Amino acid sequence: MTVVDRLNAAKDAISSRARDCGRDPAEITLVCVTKTFPAEAAVPLLEAGHRVYGENKVQEARTKWGELRQRFSGVELHLIGPLQSNKTREAVETFDVIESVDRPKIAEALAAEIRRQGKRLRLLVQVNTGAEPQKAGVLPQEADAFIAECREKHGLEIAGLMCVPPVGEQASPHFALLAEIAARNGLKELSMGMSSDYELAIQLGATHVRIGSAIMGERDYSKP
């Protein structure tokens, strides 16, 4: 299968699962994760009409997508990896959606930079549903207060939540927890589910699924 074949297969699977769950497939956005892949790897997907992509690193995205965005209009770029405060200016310039808002320092920096650039972004709070010490994200028990701080202290418009369940654990409790936090905070967007579990995420309310290897193929993490 070509990369476009795999993209179409993923889209078909998303639509089928959504209908099985009584949902409108149009409610679910496929974020194609192109991290670690060179710019040319995304060209067939762009030529096929797909426009929503996810990247983990600010600098990689700036290098990769500058020229691609000149060639292909309408690209929506999501930052799905951790954001360092010293990369805030570049992140706001580069991305349309930042899914990894996770601490007060980042919220404050984003608010200042969004005002400075006059750019409107969609922001998602990342929740560390498994309370993993090595992983980014606000702890579930602190999520409500952090969302309120983002809104009330920093004036940020929070569109939704994102999570990455612990490897080796059943994902459904983590997806259900994220949906519960979102519901009580009036948040519509849920970015959850990746190549191995996106169909389960759709069942539990995902509005965005982040699919990488199932479309792009296996990554070579030995490359810088």
N, C-alpha and C. Protein backbone atom coordinates (compact mmCIF):
# COMPACT_ATOMS: atom_id res chain seq x y z
N MET A 1 0.84 -1.20 0.00
CA MET A 1 0.00 0.00 0.00
C MET A 1 0.87 1.26 0.00
N THR A 2 0.42 2.25 -0.73
CA THR A 2 1.11 3.54 -0.70
C THR A 2 0.67 4.33 0.52
N VAL A 3 1.37 5.42 0.77
CA VAL A 3 0.99 6.26 1.90
C VAL A 3 -0.41 6.83 1.73
N VAL A 4 -0.80 7.12 0.49
CA VAL A 4 -2.16 7.61 0.24
C VAL A 4 -3.18 6.50 0.47
N ASP A 5 -2.85 5.29 0.08
CA ASP A 5 -3.74 4.15 0.36
C ASP A 5 -3.97 4.02 1.86
N ARG A 6 -2.89 4.16 2.63
CA ARG A 6 -3.02 4.03 4.09
C ARG A 6 -3.82 5.19 4.69
N LEU A 7 -3.64 6.38 4.13
CA LEU A 7 -4.45 7.52 4.56
C LEU A 7 -5.93 7.25 4.32
N ASN A 8 -6.26 6.78 3.12
CA ASN A 8 -7.66 6.51 2.79
C ASN A 8 -8.23 5.39 3.64
N ALA A 9 -7.41 4.37 3.93
CA ALA A 9 -7.86 3.27 4.79
C ALA A 9 -8.17 3.79 6.19
N ALA A 10 -7.33 4.69 6.70
CA ALA A 10 -7.57 5.26 8.02
C ALA A 10 -8.85 6.09 8.03
N LYS A 11 -9.04 6.88 6.98
CA LYS A 11 -10.26 7.69 6.90
C LYS A 11 -11.51 6.82 6.83
N ASP A 12 -11.43 5.73 6.07
CA ASP A 12 -12.55 4.80 5.99
C ASP A 12 -12.84 4.16 7.34
N ALA A 13 -11.78 3.79 8.06
CA ALA A 13 -11.95 3.17 9.37
C ALA A 13 -12.56 4.15 10.37
N ILE A 14 -12.13 5.40 10.31
CA ILE A 14 -12.69 6.42 11.19
C ILE A 14 -14.18 6.61 10.90
N SER A 15 -14.53 6.70 9.63
CA SER A 15 -15.95 6.89 9.26
C SER A 15 -16.79 5.70 9.69
N SER A 16 -16.28 4.50 9.47
CA SER A 16 -17.01 3.29 9.84
C SER A 16 -17.23 3.21 11.34
N ARG A 17 -16.16 3.49 12.10
CA ARG A 17 -16.28 3.42 13.56
C ARG A 17 -17.22 4.48 14.08
N ALA A 18 -17.16 5.67 13.51
CA ALA A 18 -18.06 6.74 13.94
C ALA A 18 -19.51 6.34 13.72
N ARG A 19 -19.81 5.81 12.54
CA ARG A 19 -21.19 5.41 12.26
C ARG A 19 -21.63 4.28 13.19
N ASP A 20 -20.74 3.35 13.47
CA ASP A 20 -21.07 2.25 14.40
C ASP A 20 -21.44 2.78 15.79
N CYS A 21 -20.84 3.93 16.14
CA CYS A 21 -21.09 4.53 17.46
C CYS A 21 -22.21 5.56 17.42
N GLY A 22 -22.87 5.68 16.28
CA GLY A 22 -23.95 6.65 16.16
C GLY A 22 -23.47 8.08 16.06
N ARG A 23 -22.22 8.26 15.60
CA ARG A 23 -21.66 9.60 15.47
C ARG A 23 -21.52 9.98 14.01
N ASP A 24 -21.49 11.28 13.77
CA ASP A 24 -21.26 11.80 12.43
C ASP A 24 -19.76 11.77 12.16
N PRO A 25 -19.30 11.08 11.12
CA PRO A 25 -17.86 11.06 10.82
C PRO A 25 -17.26 12.44 10.64
N ALA A 26 -18.06 13.42 10.24
CA ALA A 26 -17.56 14.78 10.05
C ALA A 26 -17.14 15.42 11.36
N GLU A 27 -17.55 14.85 12.51
CA GLU A 27 -17.17 15.39 13.81
C GLU A 27 -15.73 15.06 14.17
N ILE A 28 -15.10 14.15 13.41
CA ILE A 28 -13.80 13.62 13.81
C ILE A 28 -12.74 14.04 12.79
N THR A 29 -11.69 14.67 13.28
CA THR A 29 -10.60 15.14 12.43
C THR A 29 -9.41 14.21 12.57
N LEU A 30 -8.88 13.79 11.43
CA LEU A 30 -7.67 12.98 11.41
C LEU A 30 -6.46 13.92 11.36
N VAL A 31 -5.65 13.88 12.42
CA VAL A 31 -4.39 14.63 12.46
C VAL A 31 -3.29 13.66 12.05
N CYS A 32 -2.76 13.84 10.85
CA CYS A 32 -1.71 12.95 10.35
C CYS A 32 -0.38 13.40 10.95
N VAL A 33 0.24 12.51 11.73
CA VAL A 33 1.45 12.87 12.46
C VAL A 33 2.67 12.57 11.59
N THR A 34 3.34 13.64 11.21
CA THR A 34 4.47 13.54 10.28
C THR A 34 5.82 13.77 10.96
N LYS A 35 5.83 13.74 12.28
CA LYS A 35 7.09 13.95 13.01
C LYS A 35 8.14 12.93 12.56
N THR A 36 9.37 13.40 12.46
CA THR A 36 10.58 12.65 12.05
C THR A 36 10.65 12.36 10.55
N PHE A 37 9.56 12.55 9.83
CA PHE A 37 9.57 12.30 8.39
C PHE A 37 9.95 13.57 7.63
N PRO A 38 10.67 13.46 6.52
CA PRO A 38 11.05 14.64 5.76
C PRO A 38 9.85 15.26 5.05
N ALA A 39 10.03 16.49 4.60
CA ALA A 39 8.94 17.22 3.95
C ALA A 39 8.37 16.45 2.77
N GLU A 40 9.24 15.83 1.97
CA GLU A 40 8.75 15.16 0.77
C GLU A 40 7.81 13.99 1.07
N ALA A 41 7.90 13.44 2.30
CA ALA A 41 7.02 12.33 2.66
C ALA A 41 5.57 12.77 2.77
N ALA A 42 5.36 14.06 3.06
CA ALA A 42 3.99 14.57 3.19
C ALA A 42 3.39 15.00 1.87
N VAL A 43 4.21 15.17 0.84
CA VAL A 43 3.71 15.71 -0.43
C VAL A 43 2.58 14.87 -1.04
N PRO A 44 2.71 13.53 -1.12
CA PRO A 44 1.59 12.76 -1.69
C PRO A 44 0.28 12.94 -0.93
N LEU A 45 0.37 13.09 0.39
CA LEU A 45 -0.83 13.29 1.20
C LEU A 45 -1.44 14.67 0.93
N LEU A 46 -0.58 15.67 0.81
CA LEU A 46 -1.06 17.02 0.48
C LEU A 46 -1.68 17.05 -0.91
N GLU A 47 -1.05 16.36 -1.85
CA GLU A 47 -1.60 16.30 -3.20
C GLU A 47 -2.94 15.57 -3.23
N ALA A 48 -3.12 14.65 -2.28
CA ALA A 48 -4.40 13.92 -2.19
C ALA A 48 -5.47 14.72 -1.46
N GLY A 49 -5.09 15.90 -0.93
CA GLY A 49 -6.08 16.79 -0.34
C GLY A 49 -6.11 16.84 1.17
N HIS A 50 -5.27 16.03 1.85
CA HIS A 50 -5.31 16.07 3.31
C HIS A 50 -4.58 17.32 3.80
N ARG A 51 -5.14 17.97 4.84
CA ARG A 51 -4.61 19.27 5.24
C ARG A 51 -4.30 19.40 6.73
N VAL A 52 -4.52 18.40 7.55
CA VAL A 52 -4.31 18.53 9.00
C VAL A 52 -3.17 17.62 9.43
N TYR A 53 -2.14 18.23 10.03
CA TYR A 53 -0.91 17.50 10.35
C TYR A 53 -0.44 17.83 11.76
N GLY A 54 0.27 16.88 12.36
CA GLY A 54 0.80 17.07 13.70
C GLY A 54 2.31 16.90 13.73
N GLU A 55 2.95 17.75 14.50
CA GLU A 55 4.40 17.70 14.69
C GLU A 55 4.72 17.81 16.18
N ASN A 56 5.82 17.17 16.59
CA ASN A 56 6.22 17.17 18.00
C ASN A 56 7.15 18.32 18.37
N LYS A 57 7.95 18.80 17.40
CA LYS A 57 8.99 19.77 17.71
C LYS A 57 8.81 21.04 16.88
N VAL A 58 8.99 22.16 17.55
CA VAL A 58 8.76 23.44 16.90
C VAL A 58 9.74 23.65 15.75
N GLN A 59 11.02 23.44 15.98
CA GLN A 59 12.01 23.72 14.95
C GLN A 59 11.84 22.80 13.75
N GLU A 60 11.56 21.52 13.99
CA GLU A 60 11.35 20.59 12.89
C GLU A 60 10.17 21.04 12.04
N ALA A 61 9.11 21.48 12.69
CA ALA A 61 7.92 21.92 11.96
C ALA A 61 8.22 23.16 11.13
N ARG A 62 8.96 24.11 11.69
CA ARG A 62 9.28 25.34 10.96
C ARG A 62 10.10 25.03 9.72
N THR A 63 11.06 24.14 9.87
CA THR A 63 11.91 23.77 8.74
C THR A 63 11.13 23.03 7.67
N LYS A 64 10.29 22.13 8.10
CA LYS A 64 9.59 21.23 7.17
C LYS A 64 8.42 21.92 6.46
N TRP A 65 7.66 22.72 7.21
CA TRP A 65 6.38 23.20 6.68
C TRP A 65 6.44 24.58 6.04
N GLY A 66 7.55 25.30 6.17
CA GLY A 66 7.62 26.61 5.54
C GLY A 66 7.37 26.56 4.05
N GLU A 67 8.13 25.73 3.36
CA GLU A 67 7.98 25.62 1.90
C GLU A 67 6.69 24.90 1.53
N LEU A 68 6.35 23.87 2.30
CA LEU A 68 5.12 23.11 1.98
C LEU A 68 3.89 24.01 2.03
N ARG A 69 3.87 24.92 2.98
CA ARG A 69 2.71 25.81 3.08
C ARG A 69 2.66 26.82 1.94
N GLN A 70 3.79 27.12 1.35
CA GLN A 70 3.78 27.98 0.16
C GLN A 70 3.21 27.23 -1.04
N ARG A 71 3.45 25.93 -1.08
CA ARG A 71 2.97 25.11 -2.20
C ARG A 71 1.52 24.66 -2.04
N PHE A 72 1.09 24.45 -0.80
CA PHE A 72 -0.24 23.90 -0.54
C PHE A 72 -0.97 24.79 0.46
N SER A 73 -2.10 25.32 0.04
CA SER A 73 -2.87 26.22 0.91
C SER A 73 -3.76 25.42 1.85
N GLY A 74 -4.15 26.09 2.94
CA GLY A 74 -5.14 25.51 3.84
C GLY A 74 -4.62 24.50 4.84
N VAL A 75 -3.31 24.41 5.02
CA VAL A 75 -2.75 23.46 5.99
C VAL A 75 -3.06 23.93 7.41
N GLU A 76 -3.48 22.99 8.25
CA GLU A 76 -3.68 23.24 9.68
C GLU A 76 -2.65 22.41 10.43
N LEU A 77 -1.78 23.09 11.16
CA LEU A 77 -0.65 22.42 11.81
C LEU A 77 -0.85 22.41 13.33
N HIS A 78 -0.73 21.19 13.90
CA HIS A 78 -0.92 21.00 15.35
C HIS A 78 0.42 20.70 16.01
N LEU A 79 0.71 21.39 17.11
CA LEU A 79 1.84 21.01 17.96
C LEU A 79 1.31 19.99 18.96
N ILE A 80 1.84 18.76 18.89
CA ILE A 80 1.36 17.71 19.78
C ILE A 80 2.41 17.28 20.79
N GLY A 81 3.59 17.89 20.71
CA GLY A 81 4.66 17.60 21.66
C GLY A 81 4.79 18.70 22.69
N PRO A 82 5.62 18.48 23.71
CA PRO A 82 5.80 19.47 24.77
C PRO A 82 6.34 20.78 24.21
N LEU A 83 5.88 21.88 24.80
CA LEU A 83 6.32 23.21 24.38
C LEU A 83 7.22 23.80 25.45
N GLN A 84 8.43 24.20 25.06
CA GLN A 84 9.34 24.89 25.95
C GLN A 84 9.06 26.39 25.87
N SER A 85 9.18 27.06 27.01
CA SER A 85 8.82 28.48 27.04
C SER A 85 9.68 29.32 26.10
N ASN A 86 10.93 28.90 25.86
CA ASN A 86 11.78 29.69 24.96
C ASN A 86 11.44 29.47 23.49
N LYS A 87 10.50 28.58 23.21
CA LYS A 87 10.05 28.34 21.84
C LYS A 87 8.64 28.90 21.59
N THR A 88 8.13 29.66 22.54
CA THR A 88 6.74 30.12 22.44
C THR A 88 6.52 31.00 21.22
N ARG A 89 7.43 31.95 20.97
CA ARG A 89 7.25 32.85 19.83
C ARG A 89 7.18 32.07 18.53
N GLU A 90 8.13 31.16 18.34
CA GLU A 90 8.15 30.36 17.11
C GLU A 90 6.93 29.45 17.01
N ALA A 91 6.48 28.92 18.14
CA ALA A 91 5.30 28.04 18.13
C ALA A 91 4.05 28.79 17.70
N VAL A 92 3.87 29.99 18.22
CA VAL A 92 2.69 30.78 17.86
C VAL A 92 2.76 31.18 16.39
N GLU A 93 3.95 31.49 15.89
CA GLU A 93 4.11 31.82 14.48
C GLU A 93 3.78 30.64 13.58
N THR A 94 4.14 29.43 14.00
CA THR A 94 4.15 28.26 13.13
C THR A 94 2.86 27.46 13.16
N PHE A 95 2.26 27.32 14.34
CA PHE A 95 1.15 26.38 14.51
C PHE A 95 -0.20 27.09 14.53
N ASP A 96 -1.21 26.33 14.16
CA ASP A 96 -2.60 26.79 14.24
C ASP A 96 -3.28 26.27 15.49
N VAL A 97 -2.82 25.13 15.98
CA VAL A 97 -3.37 24.49 17.17
C VAL A 97 -2.20 24.03 18.04
N ILE A 98 -2.24 24.36 19.32
CA ILE A 98 -1.25 23.86 20.27
C ILE A 98 -1.99 22.96 21.26
N GLU A 99 -1.65 21.67 21.22
CA GLU A 99 -2.38 20.69 22.01
C GLU A 99 -1.71 20.39 23.35
N SER A 100 -0.61 21.06 23.65
CA SER A 100 0.20 20.67 24.80
C SER A 100 0.38 21.78 25.83
N VAL A 101 -0.68 22.56 26.06
CA VAL A 101 -0.66 23.55 27.14
C VAL A 101 -0.77 22.78 28.45
N ASP A 102 0.24 22.93 29.33
CA ASP A 102 0.25 22.02 30.48
C ASP A 102 0.78 22.61 31.78
N ARG A 103 1.15 23.90 31.80
CA ARG A 103 1.64 24.47 33.05
C ARG A 103 1.50 25.99 32.99
N PRO A 104 1.45 26.64 34.16
CA PRO A 104 1.21 28.08 34.20
C PRO A 104 2.22 28.90 33.41
N LYS A 105 3.50 28.52 33.46
CA LYS A 105 4.52 29.28 32.74
C LYS A 105 4.25 29.31 31.24
N ILE A 106 3.81 28.18 30.70
CA ILE A 106 3.49 28.11 29.27
C ILE A 106 2.23 28.91 28.96
N ALA A 107 1.23 28.81 29.83
CA ALA A 107 -0.01 29.57 29.62
C ALA A 107 0.28 31.07 29.59
N GLU A 108 1.11 31.53 30.52
CA GLU A 108 1.45 32.95 30.58
C GLU A 108 2.22 33.39 29.33
N ALA A 109 3.18 32.56 28.92
CA ALA A 109 3.98 32.89 27.74
C ALA A 109 3.13 32.90 26.48
N LEU A 110 2.23 31.93 26.36
CA LEU A 110 1.35 31.89 25.19
C LEU A 110 0.43 33.10 25.14
N ALA A 111 -0.13 33.46 26.28
CA ALA A 111 -1.03 34.61 26.31
C ALA A 111 -0.31 35.87 25.84
N ALA A 112 0.91 36.08 26.32
CA ALA A 112 1.67 37.26 25.93
C ALA A 112 2.01 37.24 24.45
N GLU A 113 2.40 36.09 23.94
CA GLU A 113 2.82 36.00 22.54
C GLU A 113 1.63 36.09 21.59
N ILE A 114 0.52 35.51 21.97
CA ILE A 114 -0.69 35.60 21.14
C ILE A 114 -1.14 37.06 21.03
N ARG A 115 -1.06 37.78 22.14
CA ARG A 115 -1.40 39.21 22.10
C ARG A 115 -0.41 39.97 21.23
N ARG A 116 0.86 39.66 21.37
CA ARG A 116 1.89 40.38 20.62
C ARG A 116 1.73 40.18 19.12
N GLN A 117 1.45 38.92 18.73
CA GLN A 117 1.35 38.61 17.31
C GLN A 117 -0.04 38.87 16.74
N GLY A 118 -1.02 39.04 17.63
CA GLY A 118 -2.38 39.25 17.15
C GLY A 118 -2.93 38.06 16.41
N LYS A 119 -2.49 36.88 16.80
CA LYS A 119 -2.89 35.66 16.11
C LYS A 119 -3.83 34.86 16.99
N ARG A 120 -4.85 34.30 16.39
CA ARG A 120 -5.80 33.48 17.14
C ARG A 120 -5.47 32.01 16.94
N LEU A 121 -5.21 31.32 18.05
CA LEU A 121 -4.89 29.90 18.01
C LEU A 121 -5.96 29.10 18.74
N ARG A 122 -6.09 27.83 18.37
CA ARG A 122 -6.86 26.90 19.18
C ARG A 122 -5.90 26.23 20.16
N LEU A 123 -6.27 26.21 21.40
CA LEU A 123 -5.41 25.68 22.45
C LEU A 123 -6.10 24.53 23.16
N LEU A 124 -5.34 23.46 23.38
CA LEU A 124 -5.81 22.33 24.14
C LEU A 124 -4.89 22.12 25.35
N VAL A 125 -5.48 21.77 26.46
CA VAL A 125 -4.71 21.45 27.66
C VAL A 125 -4.38 19.96 27.63
N GLN A 126 -3.10 19.65 27.81
CA GLN A 126 -2.68 18.26 27.89
C GLN A 126 -2.81 17.77 29.32
N VAL A 127 -3.51 16.65 29.48
CA VAL A 127 -3.72 16.05 30.80
C VAL A 127 -2.91 14.76 30.89
N ASN A 128 -2.11 14.64 31.92
CA ASN A 128 -1.31 13.44 32.18
C ASN A 128 -2.19 12.45 32.93
N THR A 129 -3.06 11.77 32.20
CA THR A 129 -4.08 10.93 32.83
C THR A 129 -3.50 9.78 33.63
N GLY A 130 -2.30 9.35 33.29
CA GLY A 130 -1.65 8.27 34.02
C GLY A 130 -0.73 8.75 35.12
N ALA A 131 -0.65 10.07 35.34
CA ALA A 131 0.22 10.65 36.36
C ALA A 131 1.65 10.11 36.24
N GLU A 132 2.13 10.03 34.99
CA GLU A 132 3.48 9.51 34.76
C GLU A 132 4.51 10.63 34.97
N PRO A 133 5.48 10.42 35.83
CA PRO A 133 6.42 11.51 36.15
C PRO A 133 7.27 11.96 34.97
N GLN A 134 7.50 11.07 34.01
CA GLN A 134 8.35 11.43 32.86
C GLN A 134 7.56 12.07 31.73
N LYS A 135 6.26 12.21 31.89
CA LYS A 135 5.42 12.68 30.79
C LYS A 135 4.85 14.06 31.07
N ALA A 136 4.73 14.87 30.03
CA ALA A 136 4.14 16.20 30.16
C ALA A 136 2.64 16.09 30.42
N GLY A 137 2.08 17.19 30.90
CA GLY A 137 0.63 17.23 31.12
C GLY A 137 0.29 17.57 32.55
N VAL A 138 -0.80 18.29 32.73
CA VAL A 138 -1.29 18.61 34.07
C VAL A 138 -1.94 17.36 34.66
N LEU A 139 -1.81 17.18 35.96
CA LEU A 139 -2.41 16.02 36.62
C LEU A 139 -3.93 16.15 36.60
N PRO A 140 -4.64 15.02 36.51
CA PRO A 140 -6.10 15.09 36.42
C PRO A 140 -6.75 15.88 37.55
N GLN A 141 -6.25 15.70 38.77
CA GLN A 141 -6.86 16.39 39.91
C GLN A 141 -6.57 17.88 39.92
N GLU A 142 -5.64 18.32 39.08
CA GLU A 142 -5.31 19.74 38.99
C GLU A 142 -5.85 20.39 37.71
N ALA A 143 -6.51 19.58 36.87
CA ALA A 143 -6.92 20.07 35.55
C ALA A 143 -7.95 21.18 35.63
N ASP A 144 -8.96 21.03 36.49
CA ASP A 144 -10.01 22.04 36.56
C ASP A 144 -9.44 23.40 36.94
N ALA A 145 -8.58 23.40 37.96
CA ALA A 145 -8.00 24.67 38.41
C ALA A 145 -7.11 25.28 37.33
N PHE A 146 -6.37 24.43 36.62
CA PHE A 146 -5.49 24.95 35.57
C PHE A 146 -6.29 25.52 34.41
N ILE A 147 -7.34 24.85 34.01
CA ILE A 147 -8.20 25.36 32.93
C ILE A 147 -8.79 26.71 33.33
N ALA A 148 -9.23 26.81 34.57
CA ALA A 148 -9.79 28.08 35.06
C ALA A 148 -8.72 29.17 35.06
N GLU A 149 -7.48 28.83 35.45
CA GLU A 149 -6.39 29.80 35.45
C GLU A 149 -6.10 30.29 34.03
N CYS A 150 -6.07 29.35 33.08
CA CYS A 150 -5.84 29.73 31.69
C CYS A 150 -6.88 30.73 31.21
N ARG A 151 -8.11 30.46 31.56
CA ARG A 151 -9.21 31.31 31.09
C ARG A 151 -9.26 32.64 31.82
N GLU A 152 -9.22 32.58 33.15
CA GLU A 152 -9.51 33.77 33.97
C GLU A 152 -8.29 34.65 34.19
N LYS A 153 -7.14 34.06 34.42
CA LYS A 153 -5.94 34.85 34.67
C LYS A 153 -5.25 35.29 33.38
N HIS A 154 -5.20 34.36 32.40
CA HIS A 154 -4.42 34.64 31.20
C HIS A 154 -5.29 34.98 29.98
N GLY A 155 -6.60 34.84 30.10
CA GLY A 155 -7.49 35.20 29.01
C GLY A 155 -7.39 34.29 27.80
N LEU A 156 -6.96 33.05 28.02
CA LEU A 156 -6.81 32.11 26.91
C LEU A 156 -8.14 31.41 26.61
N GLU A 157 -8.39 31.20 25.34
CA GLU A 157 -9.56 30.41 24.94
C GLU A 157 -9.12 28.96 24.82
N ILE A 158 -9.58 28.12 25.72
CA ILE A 158 -9.23 26.70 25.71
C ILE A 158 -10.33 25.95 24.96
N ALA A 159 -9.93 25.27 23.89
CA ALA A 159 -10.91 24.58 23.05
C ALA A 159 -11.17 23.15 23.50
N GLY A 160 -10.19 22.53 24.17
CA GLY A 160 -10.38 21.13 24.53
C GLY A 160 -9.20 20.58 25.29
N LEU A 161 -9.12 19.24 25.31
CA LEU A 161 -8.11 18.51 26.07
C LEU A 161 -7.42 17.49 25.19
N MET A 162 -6.20 17.13 25.59
CA MET A 162 -5.43 16.08 24.91
C MET A 162 -4.81 15.16 25.95
N CYS A 163 -4.67 13.88 25.60
CA CYS A 163 -3.95 12.96 26.47
C CYS A 163 -3.22 11.91 25.65
N VAL A 164 -2.22 11.31 26.31
CA VAL A 164 -1.48 10.17 25.77
C VAL A 164 -1.47 9.11 26.87
N PRO A 165 -2.30 8.08 26.79
CA PRO A 165 -2.34 7.08 27.85
C PRO A 165 -1.01 6.35 28.02
N PRO A 166 -0.74 5.83 29.21
CA PRO A 166 0.50 5.09 29.44
C PRO A 166 0.62 3.87 28.52
N VAL A 167 1.82 3.66 28.04
CA VAL A 167 2.09 2.48 27.23
C VAL A 167 1.85 1.22 28.07
N GLY A 168 1.17 0.25 27.49
CA GLY A 168 0.96 -1.01 28.18
C GLY A 168 -0.28 -1.07 29.04
N GLU A 169 -0.97 0.06 29.17
CA GLU A 169 -2.22 0.09 29.94
C GLU A 169 -3.41 0.15 28.99
N GLN A 170 -4.55 -0.34 29.48
CA GLN A 170 -5.79 -0.21 28.74
C GLN A 170 -6.11 1.28 28.59
N ALA A 171 -6.36 1.69 27.35
CA ALA A 171 -6.54 3.12 27.10
C ALA A 171 -7.91 3.64 27.51
N SER A 172 -8.92 2.80 27.53
CA SER A 172 -10.29 3.28 27.72
C SER A 172 -10.51 4.07 29.00
N PRO A 173 -9.94 3.67 30.17
CA PRO A 173 -10.16 4.51 31.36
C PRO A 173 -9.57 5.91 31.22
N HIS A 174 -8.46 6.01 30.50
CA HIS A 174 -7.83 7.31 30.31
C HIS A 174 -8.66 8.18 29.38
N PHE A 175 -9.20 7.60 28.32
CA PHE A 175 -10.06 8.34 27.41
C PHE A 175 -11.34 8.78 28.13
N ALA A 176 -11.90 7.89 28.94
CA ALA A 176 -13.13 8.23 29.67
C ALA A 176 -12.87 9.35 30.67
N LEU A 177 -11.72 9.30 31.35
CA LEU A 177 -11.37 10.36 32.30
C LEU A 177 -11.23 11.70 31.60
N LEU A 178 -10.57 11.71 30.44
CA LEU A 178 -10.40 12.96 29.70
C LEU A 178 -11.75 13.53 29.30
N ALA A 179 -12.64 12.67 28.82
CA ALA A 179 -13.98 13.12 28.42
C ALA A 179 -14.75 13.69 29.60
N GLU A 180 -14.57 13.09 30.76
CA GLU A 180 -15.25 13.57 31.98
C GLU A 180 -14.75 14.96 32.38
N ILE A 181 -13.43 15.16 32.33
CA ILE A 181 -12.87 16.47 32.67
C ILE A 181 -13.36 17.52 31.67
N ALA A 182 -13.36 17.16 30.40
CA ALA A 182 -13.82 18.10 29.36
C ALA A 182 -15.28 18.48 29.57
N ALA A 183 -16.12 17.51 29.87
CA ALA A 183 -17.55 17.77 30.01
C ALA A 183 -17.82 18.75 31.15
N ARG A 184 -17.15 18.57 32.27
CA ARG A 184 -17.46 19.46 33.40
C ARG A 184 -16.85 20.85 33.24
N ASN A 185 -15.96 21.00 32.26
CA ASN A 185 -15.39 22.31 31.99
C ASN A 185 -15.94 22.93 30.70
N GLY A 186 -16.93 22.29 30.11
CA GLY A 186 -17.57 22.84 28.92
C GLY A 186 -16.70 22.86 27.69
N LEU A 187 -15.81 21.86 27.57
CA LEU A 187 -14.87 21.81 26.45
C LEU A 187 -15.34 20.81 25.41
N LYS A 188 -15.26 21.21 24.15
CA LYS A 188 -15.82 20.40 23.06
C LYS A 188 -14.82 19.45 22.42
N GLU A 189 -13.53 19.84 22.38
CA GLU A 189 -12.56 19.06 21.61
C GLU A 189 -11.81 18.08 22.49
N LEU A 190 -11.68 16.85 21.99
CA LEU A 190 -10.94 15.80 22.67
C LEU A 190 -9.95 15.19 21.69
N SER A 191 -8.67 15.46 21.90
CA SER A 191 -7.63 14.87 21.06
C SER A 191 -7.09 13.65 21.79
N MET A 192 -7.51 12.50 21.33
CA MET A 192 -7.09 11.26 21.99
C MET A 192 -7.24 10.11 21.00
N GLY A 193 -6.31 9.16 21.13
CA GLY A 193 -6.29 8.05 20.19
C GLY A 193 -5.20 8.22 19.16
N MET A 194 -4.40 7.15 19.03
CA MET A 194 -3.33 7.14 18.04
C MET A 194 -3.48 5.90 17.16
N SER A 195 -2.44 5.52 16.46
CA SER A 195 -2.56 4.44 15.46
C SER A 195 -3.14 3.16 16.05
N SER A 196 -2.78 2.84 17.29
CA SER A 196 -3.17 1.55 17.86
C SER A 196 -4.52 1.56 18.55
N ASP A 197 -5.06 2.76 18.85
CA ASP A 197 -6.28 2.78 19.68
C ASP A 197 -7.29 3.85 19.27
N TYR A 198 -7.15 4.39 18.04
CA TYR A 198 -8.03 5.50 17.68
C TYR A 198 -9.49 5.09 17.55
N GLU A 199 -9.75 3.83 17.20
CA GLU A 199 -11.14 3.41 17.07
C GLU A 199 -11.82 3.37 18.44
N LEU A 200 -11.08 2.97 19.47
CA LEU A 200 -11.61 3.02 20.83
C LEU A 200 -11.82 4.47 21.26
N ALA A 201 -10.90 5.33 20.90
CA ALA A 201 -11.04 6.75 21.25
C ALA A 201 -12.29 7.35 20.63
N ILE A 202 -12.59 6.99 19.40
CA ILE A 202 -13.80 7.48 18.74
C ILE A 202 -15.04 7.05 19.51
N GLN A 203 -15.04 5.81 19.95
CA GLN A 203 -16.16 5.30 20.74
C GLN A 203 -16.37 6.12 22.01
N LEU A 204 -15.28 6.63 22.57
CA LEU A 204 -15.35 7.35 23.84
C LEU A 204 -15.36 8.87 23.67
N GLY A 205 -15.56 9.33 22.42
CA GLY A 205 -15.84 10.74 22.22
C GLY A 205 -14.76 11.58 21.56
N ALA A 206 -13.69 10.98 21.05
CA ALA A 206 -12.63 11.76 20.42
C ALA A 206 -13.17 12.62 19.29
N THR A 207 -12.68 13.85 19.21
CA THR A 207 -12.98 14.71 18.06
C THR A 207 -11.76 14.81 17.14
N HIS A 208 -10.59 14.48 17.68
CA HIS A 208 -9.34 14.47 16.90
C HIS A 208 -8.58 13.20 17.24
N VAL A 209 -8.14 12.49 16.21
CA VAL A 209 -7.29 11.32 16.42
C VAL A 209 -5.96 11.56 15.73
N ARG A 210 -4.88 11.23 16.41
CA ARG A 210 -3.53 11.53 15.93
C ARG A 210 -2.91 10.24 15.40
N ILE A 211 -2.86 10.12 14.09
CA ILE A 211 -2.41 8.87 13.47
C ILE A 211 -1.11 9.11 12.72
N GLY A 212 -0.09 8.38 13.10
CA GLY A 212 1.22 8.53 12.48
C GLY A 212 1.65 7.28 11.74
N SER A 213 2.13 6.29 12.48
CA SER A 213 2.75 5.12 11.85
C SER A 213 1.78 4.34 10.96
N ALA A 214 0.49 4.32 11.29
CA ALA A 214 -0.47 3.59 10.47
C ALA A 214 -0.62 4.20 9.08
N ILE A 215 -0.20 5.45 8.93
CA ILE A 215 -0.23 6.12 7.63
C ILE A 215 1.19 6.28 7.08
N MET A 216 2.07 6.82 7.89
CA MET A 216 3.41 7.17 7.42
C MET A 216 4.37 5.98 7.38
N GLY A 217 4.08 4.94 8.13
CA GLY A 217 5.00 3.82 8.26
C GLY A 217 5.81 3.96 9.53
N GLU A 218 6.64 2.96 9.81
CA GLU A 218 7.43 2.98 11.05
C GLU A 218 8.50 4.07 10.97
N ARG A 219 8.75 4.70 12.11
CA ARG A 219 9.75 5.76 12.19
C ARG A 219 11.13 5.20 12.50
N ASP A 220 12.12 5.89 11.99
CA ASP A 220 13.51 5.59 12.33
C ASP A 220 14.00 6.64 13.32
N TYR A 221 13.95 6.28 14.61
CA TYR A 221 14.31 7.24 15.64
C TYR A 221 15.82 7.39 15.79
N SER A 222 16.59 6.64 15.03
CA SER A 222 18.05 6.79 15.09
C SER A 222 18.52 8.04 14.34
N LYS A 223 17.63 8.58 13.48
CA LYS A 223 17.99 9.78 12.74
C LYS A 223 17.81 11.00 13.63
N PRO A 224 18.66 12.00 13.49
CA PRO A 224 18.55 13.20 14.33
C PRO A 224 17.28 13.97 14.01
